[in-house]
N, C-alpha and C. Protein backbone atom coordinates (compact mmCIF):
# COMPACT_ATOMS: atom_id res chain seq x y z
N MET A 1 13.57 8.24 7.83
CA MET A 1 13.46 7.92 6.33
C MET A 1 12.28 7.83 5.70
N VAL A 2 11.42 7.25 6.58
CA VAL A 2 9.99 7.30 6.27
C VAL A 2 9.29 8.81 6.02
N LYS A 3 9.57 9.47 7.29
CA LYS A 3 9.10 10.89 7.01
C LYS A 3 9.83 11.41 5.70
N LYS A 4 11.04 11.25 5.47
CA LYS A 4 11.64 12.04 4.41
C LYS A 4 11.01 11.73 3.28
N ILE A 5 10.45 10.32 2.97
CA ILE A 5 9.99 9.81 1.58
C ILE A 5 8.40 10.23 1.67
N PHE A 6 7.80 10.68 2.85
CA PHE A 6 6.50 11.17 2.94
C PHE A 6 6.42 12.63 2.36
N SER A 7 7.42 13.63 3.04
CA SER A 7 7.71 14.85 2.95
C SER A 7 7.92 14.91 1.45
N ILE A 8 8.95 14.50 0.84
CA ILE A 8 9.10 14.54 -0.55
C ILE A 8 7.71 14.23 -1.49
N ALA A 9 7.33 13.14 -1.36
CA ALA A 9 6.13 12.71 -2.01
C ALA A 9 5.02 13.95 -1.81
N LEU A 10 4.93 14.52 -0.68
CA LEU A 10 3.46 15.50 -0.31
C LEU A 10 3.95 16.72 -0.99
N PHE A 11 5.04 16.96 -0.97
CA PHE A 11 5.70 18.40 -1.74
C PHE A 11 5.39 18.15 -3.39
N LEU A 12 5.96 17.02 -3.96
CA LEU A 12 5.73 16.95 -5.40
C LEU A 12 4.04 16.77 -5.69
N PHE A 13 3.31 16.00 -5.01
CA PHE A 13 2.02 16.16 -5.14
C PHE A 13 1.57 17.56 -5.12
N CYS A 14 1.67 18.34 -4.08
CA CYS A 14 0.99 19.37 -4.12
C CYS A 14 1.64 20.41 -5.01
N THR A 15 2.75 20.33 -5.36
CA THR A 15 3.35 21.12 -6.84
C THR A 15 3.49 20.31 -7.92
N SER A 16 2.28 19.92 -8.40
CA SER A 16 1.98 19.08 -9.56
C SER A 16 2.09 19.73 -10.88
N THR A 17 1.79 21.12 -10.60
CA THR A 17 1.86 22.02 -11.86
C THR A 17 3.38 21.95 -12.40
N VAL A 18 4.52 21.50 -11.70
CA VAL A 18 5.62 21.44 -12.37
C VAL A 18 5.80 20.75 -13.88
N TYR A 19 4.78 19.86 -13.83
CA TYR A 19 4.91 19.04 -14.99
C TYR A 19 2.91 18.78 -15.49
N SER A 20 2.86 19.00 -16.44
CA SER A 20 1.42 18.57 -16.75
C SER A 20 1.27 18.08 -18.36
N GLN A 21 0.79 17.00 -18.54
CA GLN A 21 0.69 16.13 -19.46
C GLN A 21 -0.45 16.76 -20.65
N PHE A 22 -0.64 17.42 -21.45
CA PHE A 22 -1.87 18.26 -22.45
C PHE A 22 -2.78 17.16 -22.76
N ASN A 23 -3.68 17.30 -22.22
CA ASN A 23 -5.15 16.49 -22.94
C ASN A 23 -5.07 15.10 -22.20
N LEU A 24 -4.53 14.77 -21.44
CA LEU A 24 -4.18 13.93 -20.55
C LEU A 24 -4.60 14.06 -19.00
N ASN A 25 -5.74 13.05 -18.34
CA ASN A 25 -5.90 13.09 -17.09
C ASN A 25 -4.70 12.43 -16.39
N ASN A 26 -4.11 13.00 -15.10
CA ASN A 26 -3.35 12.33 -14.23
C ASN A 26 -3.35 11.97 -13.04
N VAL A 27 -5.01 12.11 -12.47
CA VAL A 27 -5.29 11.63 -11.44
C VAL A 27 -6.03 10.61 -11.02
N SER A 28 -5.99 9.84 -10.16
CA SER A 28 -6.79 8.63 -10.27
C SER A 28 -6.95 8.20 -8.71
N LEU A 29 -8.39 7.57 -8.01
CA LEU A 29 -8.70 7.21 -6.91
C LEU A 29 -8.44 5.78 -6.96
N GLU A 30 -8.03 4.96 -5.78
CA GLU A 30 -7.69 4.14 -5.85
C GLU A 30 -8.07 3.19 -4.26
N LEU A 31 -8.79 2.29 -4.55
CA LEU A 31 -9.29 1.41 -3.72
C LEU A 31 -8.89 -0.28 -3.57
N ASN A 32 -8.48 -0.73 -2.66
CA ASN A 32 -8.28 -2.60 -2.58
C ASN A 32 -8.26 -2.70 -1.51
N TYR A 33 -8.64 -4.20 -1.65
CA TYR A 33 -9.18 -4.94 -0.32
C TYR A 33 -8.63 -6.25 -0.91
N GLY A 34 -8.04 -6.92 0.45
CA GLY A 34 -7.35 -8.44 0.20
C GLY A 34 -6.96 -8.96 1.45
N TYR A 35 -5.77 -9.88 1.15
CA TYR A 35 -5.32 -10.66 2.10
C TYR A 35 -4.01 -10.36 2.63
N ASN A 36 -3.95 -9.95 4.19
CA ASN A 36 -2.25 -9.69 4.85
C ASN A 36 -1.81 -10.82 5.42
N GLY A 37 -0.86 -11.28 4.86
CA GLY A 37 -0.13 -12.24 5.70
C GLY A 37 1.22 -11.77 6.60
N ALA A 38 0.65 -12.53 7.82
CA ALA A 38 2.09 -12.10 9.08
C ALA A 38 3.21 -13.03 8.72
N ILE A 39 4.19 -12.40 8.55
CA ILE A 39 5.61 -13.55 8.27
C ILE A 39 6.27 -13.81 9.77
N GLN A 40 6.52 -12.65 10.32
CA GLN A 40 7.10 -12.69 11.65
C GLN A 40 7.29 -11.06 12.07
N PRO A 41 7.55 -11.07 13.33
CA PRO A 41 7.19 -12.10 14.49
C PRO A 41 6.16 -12.21 15.12
N TYR A 42 5.74 -13.47 15.61
CA TYR A 42 4.52 -13.68 16.58
C TYR A 42 4.81 -15.09 17.42
N ASN A 43 4.34 -15.22 18.23
CA ASN A 43 4.48 -16.12 19.31
C ASN A 43 3.88 -17.53 18.82
N LYS A 44 4.51 -18.61 18.28
CA LYS A 44 4.56 -19.80 17.87
C LYS A 44 3.23 -20.68 18.63
N GLN A 45 2.96 -20.42 20.14
CA GLN A 45 2.33 -20.80 20.63
C GLN A 45 0.90 -21.12 20.72
N PHE A 46 0.42 -19.92 19.77
CA PHE A 46 -0.96 -19.67 19.28
C PHE A 46 -1.17 -20.75 18.19
N ASN A 47 -2.28 -21.16 17.90
CA ASN A 47 -2.38 -22.01 17.08
C ASN A 47 -2.95 -21.22 16.03
N SER A 48 -2.36 -20.20 15.08
CA SER A 48 -2.60 -19.19 14.26
C SER A 48 -1.31 -18.64 13.49
N ASN A 49 -1.50 -18.10 12.40
CA ASN A 49 -0.37 -17.26 11.71
C ASN A 49 -1.02 -15.56 11.61
N PHE A 50 -1.86 -15.58 12.17
CA PHE A 50 -2.63 -14.22 12.46
C PHE A 50 -2.66 -13.53 10.82
N SER A 51 -3.10 -14.29 9.86
CA SER A 51 -3.32 -13.84 8.60
C SER A 51 -4.83 -13.96 8.06
N GLY A 52 -5.40 -13.05 7.09
CA GLY A 52 -6.71 -13.25 6.79
C GLY A 52 -6.94 -12.14 5.76
N PHE A 53 -8.04 -12.10 5.28
CA PHE A 53 -8.64 -10.89 4.61
C PHE A 53 -9.17 -9.88 5.25
N ASN A 54 -7.69 -9.13 5.86
CA ASN A 54 -8.09 -8.18 6.47
C ASN A 54 -7.25 -6.88 6.47
N HIS A 55 -7.41 -6.68 4.94
CA HIS A 55 -6.66 -5.58 4.21
C HIS A 55 -7.25 -4.71 3.52
N PHE A 56 -7.24 -3.58 3.97
CA PHE A 56 -8.02 -2.23 3.16
C PHE A 56 -6.94 -1.15 2.81
N GLU A 57 -7.07 -0.74 1.70
CA GLU A 57 -6.08 0.42 1.49
C GLU A 57 -7.32 1.38 0.35
N VAL A 58 -6.53 2.89 0.36
CA VAL A 58 -7.47 3.75 -0.42
C VAL A 58 -6.13 4.66 -0.67
N GLY A 59 -5.87 4.99 -1.81
CA GLY A 59 -4.83 6.25 -2.40
C GLY A 59 -5.47 6.95 -3.52
N LEU A 60 -4.52 8.10 -3.59
CA LEU A 60 -5.14 9.31 -4.38
C LEU A 60 -3.77 9.04 -5.14
N ARG A 61 -3.53 9.06 -6.44
CA ARG A 61 -2.43 8.86 -7.11
C ARG A 61 -2.29 10.14 -8.30
N TYR A 62 -0.93 11.06 -8.35
CA TYR A 62 -0.96 11.62 -9.54
C TYR A 62 0.34 11.33 -10.63
N MET A 63 0.46 11.10 -11.65
CA MET A 63 1.32 11.22 -12.46
C MET A 63 1.94 12.01 -13.10
N PHE A 64 3.45 12.37 -12.79
CA PHE A 64 3.85 13.61 -13.07
C PHE A 64 4.40 13.43 -14.68
N THR A 65 4.45 12.00 -15.15
CA THR A 65 5.02 11.99 -16.28
C THR A 65 4.28 10.72 -16.80
N GLU A 66 4.22 10.15 -18.11
CA GLU A 66 3.65 8.82 -18.34
C GLU A 66 4.18 7.89 -17.70
N TYR A 67 5.51 7.88 -17.43
CA TYR A 67 6.06 7.09 -16.23
C TYR A 67 6.36 7.19 -14.93
N VAL A 68 6.27 8.18 -14.48
CA VAL A 68 6.70 8.71 -12.77
C VAL A 68 5.76 9.05 -12.24
N GLY A 69 5.19 8.72 -11.15
CA GLY A 69 4.01 9.23 -10.48
C GLY A 69 4.27 9.47 -8.57
N THR A 70 3.32 9.80 -7.87
CA THR A 70 3.19 9.54 -6.40
C THR A 70 1.84 9.55 -5.95
N LYS A 71 1.57 8.38 -5.00
CA LYS A 71 0.46 8.17 -4.37
C LYS A 71 0.34 8.56 -2.70
N LEU A 72 -0.79 9.15 -2.47
CA LEU A 72 -0.71 8.96 -1.12
C LEU A 72 -1.95 8.21 -0.85
N ILE A 73 -1.48 7.65 0.49
CA ILE A 73 -2.37 6.32 0.71
C ILE A 73 -2.47 5.92 2.22
N PHE A 74 -3.51 5.45 2.43
CA PHE A 74 -3.93 4.75 4.17
C PHE A 74 -4.18 3.57 3.72
N LYS A 75 -3.62 2.76 4.84
CA LYS A 75 -3.84 1.61 4.99
C LYS A 75 -4.54 0.76 6.19
N SER A 76 -5.19 -0.14 6.08
CA SER A 76 -5.69 -0.92 7.27
C SER A 76 -5.08 -2.36 7.17
N ASP A 77 -4.65 -2.73 8.12
CA ASP A 77 -4.56 -4.17 8.38
C ASP A 77 -4.75 -4.38 9.61
N LYS A 78 -5.71 -5.66 9.83
CA LYS A 78 -5.62 -6.47 11.03
C LYS A 78 -5.26 -7.73 11.00
N PHE A 79 -4.37 -7.97 12.34
CA PHE A 79 -3.91 -9.56 12.36
C PHE A 79 -4.60 -9.99 13.23
N VAL A 80 -5.41 -11.07 13.05
CA VAL A 80 -6.25 -11.74 14.49
C VAL A 80 -5.77 -13.01 14.39
N ASN A 81 -5.82 -14.22 15.64
CA ASN A 81 -5.93 -15.28 15.34
C ASN A 81 -7.12 -15.78 14.76
N ASP A 82 -7.12 -17.03 14.40
CA ASP A 82 -7.82 -17.94 13.79
C ASP A 82 -7.94 -19.44 14.42
N PRO A 83 -8.96 -19.90 14.67
CA PRO A 83 -10.31 -19.18 15.15
C PRO A 83 -10.18 -18.12 16.47
N GLY A 84 -11.30 -17.41 16.72
CA GLY A 84 -11.12 -16.95 17.49
C GLY A 84 -11.49 -15.02 17.28
N GLY A 85 -10.18 -14.76 16.79
CA GLY A 85 -10.21 -13.26 16.53
C GLY A 85 -10.44 -12.19 17.59
N VAL A 86 -10.15 -12.65 18.47
CA VAL A 86 -9.78 -11.91 20.17
C VAL A 86 -8.41 -11.41 20.34
N ILE A 87 -7.24 -11.92 19.74
CA ILE A 87 -5.87 -12.18 20.18
C ILE A 87 -4.94 -11.53 18.66
N GLY A 88 -4.52 -10.27 18.80
CA GLY A 88 -3.89 -9.93 17.72
C GLY A 88 -3.68 -8.45 17.90
N ILE A 89 -3.47 -7.68 16.34
CA ILE A 89 -3.18 -6.34 16.44
C ILE A 89 -3.84 -5.52 15.38
N GLN A 90 -3.88 -4.32 15.26
CA GLN A 90 -4.48 -3.45 14.56
C GLN A 90 -3.48 -2.55 14.07
N TYR A 91 -3.20 -2.31 12.58
CA TYR A 91 -2.47 -1.38 11.95
C TYR A 91 -3.35 -0.52 11.16
N ASN A 92 -2.99 0.82 11.54
CA ASN A 92 -3.60 1.66 10.36
C ASN A 92 -2.21 2.69 9.96
N SER A 93 -2.08 2.85 8.67
CA SER A 93 -0.82 3.52 8.48
C SER A 93 -1.23 4.51 7.28
N ILE A 94 -0.31 5.84 7.36
CA ILE A 94 -0.75 6.87 6.54
C ILE A 94 0.88 6.90 5.72
N GLY A 95 0.99 7.24 4.30
CA GLY A 95 1.97 7.24 3.85
C GLY A 95 1.90 8.05 2.61
N ALA A 96 2.80 7.60 1.81
CA ALA A 96 3.26 7.88 0.40
C ALA A 96 3.93 6.99 -0.83
N SER A 97 3.75 6.84 -1.73
CA SER A 97 4.57 5.86 -2.42
C SER A 97 4.91 6.76 -3.86
N PHE A 98 5.82 6.21 -4.33
CA PHE A 98 6.57 6.45 -5.74
C PHE A 98 5.85 5.34 -6.65
N VAL A 99 5.48 6.05 -8.08
CA VAL A 99 4.85 5.14 -8.48
C VAL A 99 5.60 5.35 -9.89
N TYR A 100 6.12 3.79 -10.47
CA TYR A 100 6.63 3.88 -12.07
C TYR A 100 5.74 2.73 -12.70
N ASN A 101 5.36 3.31 -14.35
CA ASN A 101 4.46 2.79 -15.17
C ASN A 101 5.56 1.81 -15.91
N ALA A 102 5.41 0.74 -15.54
CA ALA A 102 6.94 -0.45 -15.67
C ALA A 102 5.93 -0.91 -17.28
N GLY A 103 4.66 -1.18 -17.29
CA GLY A 103 4.05 -1.66 -18.25
C GLY A 103 4.24 -0.97 -19.38
N LYS A 104 4.09 0.39 -19.29
CA LYS A 104 4.12 1.40 -20.33
C LYS A 104 5.62 1.34 -21.03
N LYS A 105 6.79 1.30 -20.18
CA LYS A 105 7.83 1.51 -20.46
C LYS A 105 8.65 0.34 -21.13
N ILE A 106 7.90 -1.14 -21.09
CA ILE A 106 8.49 -2.18 -21.50
C ILE A 106 7.36 -2.63 -22.65
N GLY A 107 6.28 -1.58 -22.98
CA GLY A 107 5.64 -1.73 -24.18
C GLY A 107 4.44 -2.55 -24.16
N LEU A 108 3.99 -2.93 -22.81
CA LEU A 108 2.75 -4.05 -22.52
C LEU A 108 1.69 -3.14 -23.11
N THR A 109 1.39 -1.95 -22.53
CA THR A 109 0.22 -1.32 -23.08
C THR A 109 0.23 -1.46 -24.48
N TYR A 110 1.00 -0.97 -25.25
CA TYR A 110 1.14 -0.83 -26.59
C TYR A 110 0.69 -2.43 -27.18
N LEU A 111 1.12 -3.28 -26.62
CA LEU A 111 1.22 -4.75 -27.13
C LEU A 111 -0.36 -5.21 -27.24
N THR A 112 -0.86 -4.91 -25.89
CA THR A 112 -2.51 -5.21 -25.47
C THR A 112 -3.16 -4.02 -26.09
N ARG A 113 -2.73 -3.29 -26.82
CA ARG A 113 -3.77 -1.99 -27.23
C ARG A 113 -4.47 -1.70 -26.24
N ASP A 114 -3.67 -1.26 -25.00
CA ASP A 114 -4.07 -0.26 -23.93
C ASP A 114 -4.71 -1.11 -23.13
N ASN A 115 -5.08 -2.36 -22.83
CA ASN A 115 -5.73 -2.82 -21.61
C ASN A 115 -5.18 -3.65 -20.75
N LEU A 116 -4.09 -4.05 -21.11
CA LEU A 116 -3.13 -4.52 -19.86
C LEU A 116 -1.92 -3.80 -19.08
N GLY A 117 -1.58 -3.23 -18.09
CA GLY A 117 -0.64 -2.56 -17.63
C GLY A 117 0.23 -3.32 -16.15
N VAL A 118 1.18 -2.53 -15.85
CA VAL A 118 2.01 -3.08 -14.58
C VAL A 118 2.37 -1.54 -13.87
N LEU A 119 2.23 -1.46 -12.86
CA LEU A 119 2.55 -0.50 -11.84
C LEU A 119 3.84 -1.03 -11.04
N ILE A 120 4.86 -0.54 -10.70
CA ILE A 120 5.53 -0.68 -9.39
C ILE A 120 5.48 0.47 -8.45
N HIS A 121 5.37 -0.34 -7.17
CA HIS A 121 5.47 1.32 -6.30
C HIS A 121 6.68 0.91 -5.08
N PHE A 122 6.74 1.95 -4.50
CA PHE A 122 7.58 1.99 -3.35
C PHE A 122 7.11 2.66 -2.14
N ASP A 123 6.81 2.14 -1.11
CA ASP A 123 5.65 2.72 -0.41
C ASP A 123 6.54 3.18 1.15
N GLY A 124 6.52 4.30 1.94
CA GLY A 124 6.86 4.75 2.86
C GLY A 124 5.74 5.06 3.79
N SER A 125 5.34 4.50 5.08
CA SER A 125 4.09 4.99 5.96
C SER A 125 4.58 5.34 7.42
N ILE A 126 3.68 5.92 8.03
CA ILE A 126 3.85 5.93 9.25
C ILE A 126 2.83 5.10 10.01
N GLY A 127 2.86 4.10 10.52
CA GLY A 127 1.91 3.46 11.09
C GLY A 127 1.55 3.12 12.64
N PHE A 128 0.21 3.12 12.87
CA PHE A 128 -0.01 3.45 14.37
C PHE A 128 -0.69 2.17 14.84
N ALA A 129 -0.10 1.13 15.66
CA ALA A 129 -0.35 -0.34 16.17
C ALA A 129 -1.03 -0.23 17.39
N ASN A 130 -2.32 -0.83 17.29
CA ASN A 130 -3.12 -0.98 18.56
C ASN A 130 -3.19 -2.52 18.63
N SER A 131 -2.38 -3.13 19.94
CA SER A 131 -2.97 -4.46 20.34
C SER A 131 -4.26 -4.58 20.62
N LEU A 132 -5.20 -5.63 20.36
CA LEU A 132 -6.40 -6.12 20.68
C LEU A 132 -6.52 -6.34 22.17
N GLN A 133 -5.38 -6.71 23.03
CA GLN A 133 -4.85 -6.55 24.37
C GLN A 133 -5.10 -5.59 24.66
N PRO A 134 -6.05 -4.92 25.69
CA PRO A 134 -6.48 -3.36 26.08
C PRO A 134 -5.59 -2.97 27.45
N GLN A 135 -4.85 -3.95 27.82
CA GLN A 135 -3.62 -3.41 28.56
C GLN A 135 -2.03 -2.80 28.15
N PHE A 136 -1.99 -3.17 27.09
CA PHE A 136 -1.07 -2.48 26.00
C PHE A 136 -1.15 -1.23 25.46
N GLU A 137 -0.09 -0.32 25.36
CA GLU A 137 -0.37 0.66 24.50
C GLU A 137 -0.16 0.98 23.59
N SER A 138 -0.54 2.02 22.86
CA SER A 138 -0.17 2.15 21.13
C SER A 138 0.96 2.17 20.97
N GLU A 139 1.23 1.98 19.59
CA GLU A 139 2.90 2.12 19.28
C GLU A 139 2.72 2.97 17.78
N LYS A 140 3.83 3.83 17.69
CA LYS A 140 3.71 4.33 16.10
C LYS A 140 4.86 3.45 15.56
N THR A 141 4.96 3.32 14.27
CA THR A 141 5.99 2.36 13.62
C THR A 141 6.12 3.28 12.47
N ASN A 142 7.54 2.77 11.72
CA ASN A 142 7.90 3.11 10.53
C ASN A 142 7.72 1.90 9.71
N ILE A 143 7.18 1.99 8.01
CA ILE A 143 6.87 0.72 7.58
C ILE A 143 7.39 1.17 6.28
N ILE A 144 7.82 0.49 5.37
CA ILE A 144 8.29 0.40 3.65
C ILE A 144 8.12 -0.66 3.47
N GLY A 145 7.55 -0.38 1.79
CA GLY A 145 7.12 -1.55 1.49
C GLY A 145 7.38 -1.42 -0.68
N LEU A 146 7.32 -3.02 -1.13
CA LEU A 146 7.49 -2.58 -2.50
C LEU A 146 6.55 -3.68 -3.07
N GLY A 147 6.07 -2.83 -4.01
CA GLY A 147 4.56 -3.78 -4.62
C GLY A 147 4.73 -3.76 -6.08
N ILE A 148 4.17 -4.72 -6.74
CA ILE A 148 3.65 -4.64 -8.09
C ILE A 148 2.24 -5.12 -8.14
N THR A 149 1.57 -4.01 -9.19
CA THR A 149 0.38 -3.78 -9.42
C THR A 149 -0.11 -4.32 -11.39
N PRO A 150 -0.62 -5.63 -11.35
CA PRO A 150 -1.03 -5.57 -12.82
C PRO A 150 -2.31 -4.81 -12.92
N GLN A 151 -2.74 -4.49 -14.04
CA GLN A 151 -3.94 -3.58 -14.46
C GLN A 151 -4.61 -4.02 -15.57
N TYR A 152 -6.10 -4.15 -15.31
CA TYR A 152 -6.84 -4.43 -16.63
C TYR A 152 -7.57 -3.18 -17.17
N ARG A 153 -7.60 -2.57 -17.84
CA ARG A 153 -8.36 -1.54 -18.21
C ARG A 153 -9.76 -1.81 -18.77
N ILE A 154 -10.73 -1.44 -18.08
CA ILE A 154 -12.14 -1.75 -18.54
C ILE A 154 -12.68 -0.84 -19.59
N ASN A 155 -12.68 0.31 -19.11
CA ASN A 155 -12.64 1.33 -19.91
C ASN A 155 -11.64 2.56 -19.74
N ASN A 156 -12.31 4.00 -20.27
CA ASN A 156 -11.39 5.36 -20.05
C ASN A 156 -11.61 5.70 -18.59
N LYS A 157 -12.50 5.22 -18.01
CA LYS A 157 -12.40 5.45 -16.50
C LYS A 157 -11.95 4.56 -15.28
N ILE A 158 -12.46 3.51 -15.41
CA ILE A 158 -12.06 2.30 -14.67
C ILE A 158 -11.19 1.26 -14.82
N ALA A 159 -10.01 0.89 -14.36
CA ALA A 159 -9.41 -0.27 -14.43
C ALA A 159 -9.25 -0.99 -13.06
N ILE A 160 -9.61 -2.34 -13.40
CA ILE A 160 -9.34 -3.63 -12.51
C ILE A 160 -7.98 -3.89 -12.03
N VAL A 161 -7.26 -3.66 -10.64
CA VAL A 161 -5.94 -4.45 -10.41
C VAL A 161 -5.86 -5.30 -9.49
N THR A 162 -4.93 -6.31 -9.32
CA THR A 162 -4.45 -6.74 -8.41
C THR A 162 -2.91 -6.11 -8.07
N ASP A 163 -2.53 -6.72 -6.74
CA ASP A 163 -1.34 -6.09 -6.24
C ASP A 163 -0.81 -7.06 -4.94
N PHE A 164 0.22 -7.15 -5.20
CA PHE A 164 1.30 -7.77 -4.08
C PHE A 164 2.55 -6.67 -3.63
N THR A 165 2.12 -6.66 -2.40
CA THR A 165 3.05 -5.77 -1.77
C THR A 165 3.86 -6.22 -0.47
N TYR A 166 5.26 -6.51 -0.60
CA TYR A 166 6.13 -6.81 0.62
C TYR A 166 6.50 -5.46 1.81
N ASN A 167 5.86 -5.96 2.75
CA ASN A 167 6.16 -4.75 3.44
C ASN A 167 7.34 -4.97 4.85
N ILE A 168 8.21 -4.07 5.29
CA ILE A 168 8.98 -4.33 6.37
C ILE A 168 8.84 -3.06 7.33
N ASN A 169 8.57 -3.86 8.66
CA ASN A 169 8.19 -2.97 9.68
C ASN A 169 9.81 -2.41 10.49
N LEU A 170 9.97 -1.55 10.23
CA LEU A 170 11.20 -1.08 10.51
C LEU A 170 11.76 -1.46 12.36
N LYS A 171 10.93 -1.08 13.01
CA LYS A 171 10.97 -1.35 14.49
C LYS A 171 9.78 -1.64 15.09
N GLN A 172 9.28 -2.66 15.73
CA GLN A 172 8.19 -3.19 16.39
C GLN A 172 8.07 -3.81 17.82
N LEU A 173 7.50 -3.04 18.57
CA LEU A 173 7.46 -3.50 20.11
C LEU A 173 7.11 -5.06 20.41
N TYR A 174 5.74 -5.24 19.54
CA TYR A 174 4.52 -6.03 19.48
C TYR A 174 4.66 -6.73 18.55
N GLY A 175 4.41 -8.12 18.74
CA GLY A 175 4.24 -9.16 17.71
C GLY A 175 2.97 -9.14 17.12
N PHE A 176 2.44 -10.03 16.01
CA PHE A 176 1.42 -9.66 15.37
C PHE A 176 0.48 -10.58 16.07
N ASP A 177 0.94 -10.92 16.91
CA ASP A 177 -0.35 -11.38 18.12
C ASP A 177 -0.85 -10.50 19.18
N GLY A 178 -0.34 -9.56 19.05
CA GLY A 178 -0.37 -8.17 20.00
C GLY A 178 0.33 -8.02 21.25
N TYR A 179 1.25 -8.87 21.56
CA TYR A 179 2.09 -9.20 23.12
C TYR A 179 3.36 -8.68 22.61
N PRO A 180 4.07 -8.07 23.59
CA PRO A 180 5.23 -7.55 23.55
C PRO A 180 6.36 -8.56 23.00
N ILE A 181 7.25 -8.33 21.90
CA ILE A 181 7.89 -9.36 21.36
C ILE A 181 9.17 -9.74 22.77
N HIS A 182 9.53 -8.70 23.32
CA HIS A 182 9.95 -9.11 24.50
C HIS A 182 10.07 -8.61 26.15
N ASN A 183 10.49 -9.14 27.21
CA ASN A 183 9.93 -8.46 28.36
C ASN A 183 10.17 -6.88 28.61
N SER A 184 11.68 -6.62 28.35
CA SER A 184 11.87 -5.04 28.01
C SER A 184 11.50 -4.61 26.81
N LYS A 185 11.58 -3.16 26.72
CA LYS A 185 11.02 -2.44 25.13
C LYS A 185 12.56 -2.63 24.10
N LEU A 186 12.46 -3.83 23.85
CA LEU A 186 13.41 -3.84 22.84
C LEU A 186 12.53 -4.33 21.61
N SER A 187 12.58 -3.58 20.32
CA SER A 187 12.08 -3.79 19.14
C SER A 187 13.05 -4.84 18.35
N GLU A 188 12.25 -4.97 17.40
CA GLU A 188 12.43 -6.00 16.24
C GLU A 188 11.78 -5.60 14.87
N THR A 189 12.60 -6.09 13.98
CA THR A 189 12.05 -5.93 12.54
C THR A 189 10.82 -6.95 11.85
N GLY A 190 9.70 -6.41 11.45
CA GLY A 190 8.60 -7.18 11.17
C GLY A 190 8.54 -7.20 9.71
N TYR A 191 8.02 -8.42 9.34
CA TYR A 191 7.71 -8.65 8.07
C TYR A 191 6.13 -9.30 7.57
N PHE A 192 5.65 -8.70 6.56
CA PHE A 192 4.48 -8.89 6.42
C PHE A 192 3.88 -8.67 4.73
N TYR A 193 3.02 -9.07 4.51
CA TYR A 193 2.65 -8.77 2.72
C TYR A 193 1.05 -8.82 2.77
N ASN A 194 1.03 -8.15 1.79
CA ASN A 194 -0.41 -7.86 1.30
C ASN A 194 -0.75 -8.13 -0.08
N LEU A 195 -1.60 -9.14 -0.38
CA LEU A 195 -2.35 -9.96 -1.54
C LEU A 195 -3.72 -9.42 -1.83
N SER A 196 -4.12 -8.20 -2.83
CA SER A 196 -5.20 -7.61 -2.78
C SER A 196 -5.48 -7.31 -4.17
N ILE A 197 -7.23 -6.86 -4.41
CA ILE A 197 -7.61 -6.79 -5.59
C ILE A 197 -8.55 -5.37 -5.48
N GLY A 198 -8.36 -4.75 -6.55
CA GLY A 198 -8.93 -3.23 -6.71
C GLY A 198 -9.32 -2.33 -7.65
N LEU A 199 -9.59 -1.37 -7.43
CA LEU A 199 -10.40 -0.61 -8.56
C LEU A 199 -9.78 0.87 -8.69
N ILE A 200 -9.22 1.05 -10.15
CA ILE A 200 -8.66 2.65 -10.21
C ILE A 200 -10.03 3.40 -10.45
N TYR A 201 -10.16 4.37 -10.46
CA TYR A 201 -11.18 5.36 -11.03
C TYR A 201 -10.45 6.55 -11.54
N TYR A 202 -10.19 6.85 -12.90
CA TYR A 202 -9.66 7.95 -13.30
C TYR A 202 -10.27 9.12 -13.09
N ILE A 203 -9.99 10.42 -12.56
CA ILE A 203 -10.39 11.54 -12.39
C ILE A 203 -10.08 12.70 -13.51
N GLY A 204 -10.83 13.18 -14.04
CA GLY A 204 -10.36 14.29 -15.05
C GLY A 204 -11.41 14.66 -16.17
N GLU A 205 -11.01 15.96 -16.68
CA GLU A 205 -12.14 16.12 -17.85
C GLU A 205 -11.68 15.60 -18.84
N ASN A 206 -10.81 15.34 -19.21
CA ASN A 206 -10.11 14.91 -20.33
C ASN A 206 -10.36 13.41 -20.64
N ARG A 207 -10.47 12.91 -22.02
CA ARG A 207 -10.92 11.77 -22.38
C ARG A 207 -10.36 10.21 -22.01
N TYR A 208 -8.63 10.54 -21.60
CA TYR A 208 -7.82 9.45 -21.43
C TYR A 208 -7.07 9.68 -20.43
N HIS A 209 -6.55 8.83 -19.60
CA HIS A 209 -5.47 8.92 -18.71
C HIS A 209 -4.02 8.67 -19.26
N SER A 210 -3.24 9.16 -18.48
CA SER A 210 -1.68 8.67 -18.96
C SER A 210 -1.15 7.38 -18.57
N ASP A 211 -2.06 6.54 -17.74
CA ASP A 211 -1.70 5.32 -17.81
C ASP A 211 -1.63 4.53 -19.01
N TRP A 212 -2.33 4.91 -19.91
CA TRP A 212 -2.49 3.94 -21.08
C TRP A 212 -2.11 4.85 -22.41
N PHE A 213 -2.58 6.10 -22.97
CA PHE A 213 -2.00 6.90 -23.63
C PHE A 213 -1.13 7.83 -23.76
């Protein structure tokens, strides 16, 4: 499922000439940093919830229309015990998102004179998990996520955003503590969320981006 999402989004991104908005920029570079919250699974014997400010994300987005677009994404999430930081797991993931400009659809950008907006995104990623315990092998996982991104436009080139994304790890052998969930190689579904703040930089020669105008 994740591979299909990534393949479709990549194809649409590479064939972006299918739709072009006249006199509007469609491309943006996006950076986010913030908090990742581990929901489950992890061993409750540890005096930690393995959550903290260890989320980083970079994305390259293309809007096919004023409402619909896609984004290529790279995410880094580190789940570690507190205090200590020596027990946990590191996730690096690459994937793609389908993006919908809900703020423009409901008229929020118009009502706020193109200063406030809201994007909704559905993510599909391939994750590479590495336990902080060196005796365990790395693991490849499939992650899907649903998120909402409020925007505040500073000028025609830069916007500030916050983002909340709820993620589902379809199968994982290791908990967020970095240890196997079961003695046998049985996997479970995992859940975590990201709460972050970031910047959007709008790329292009035109004055305005389709997020707003």
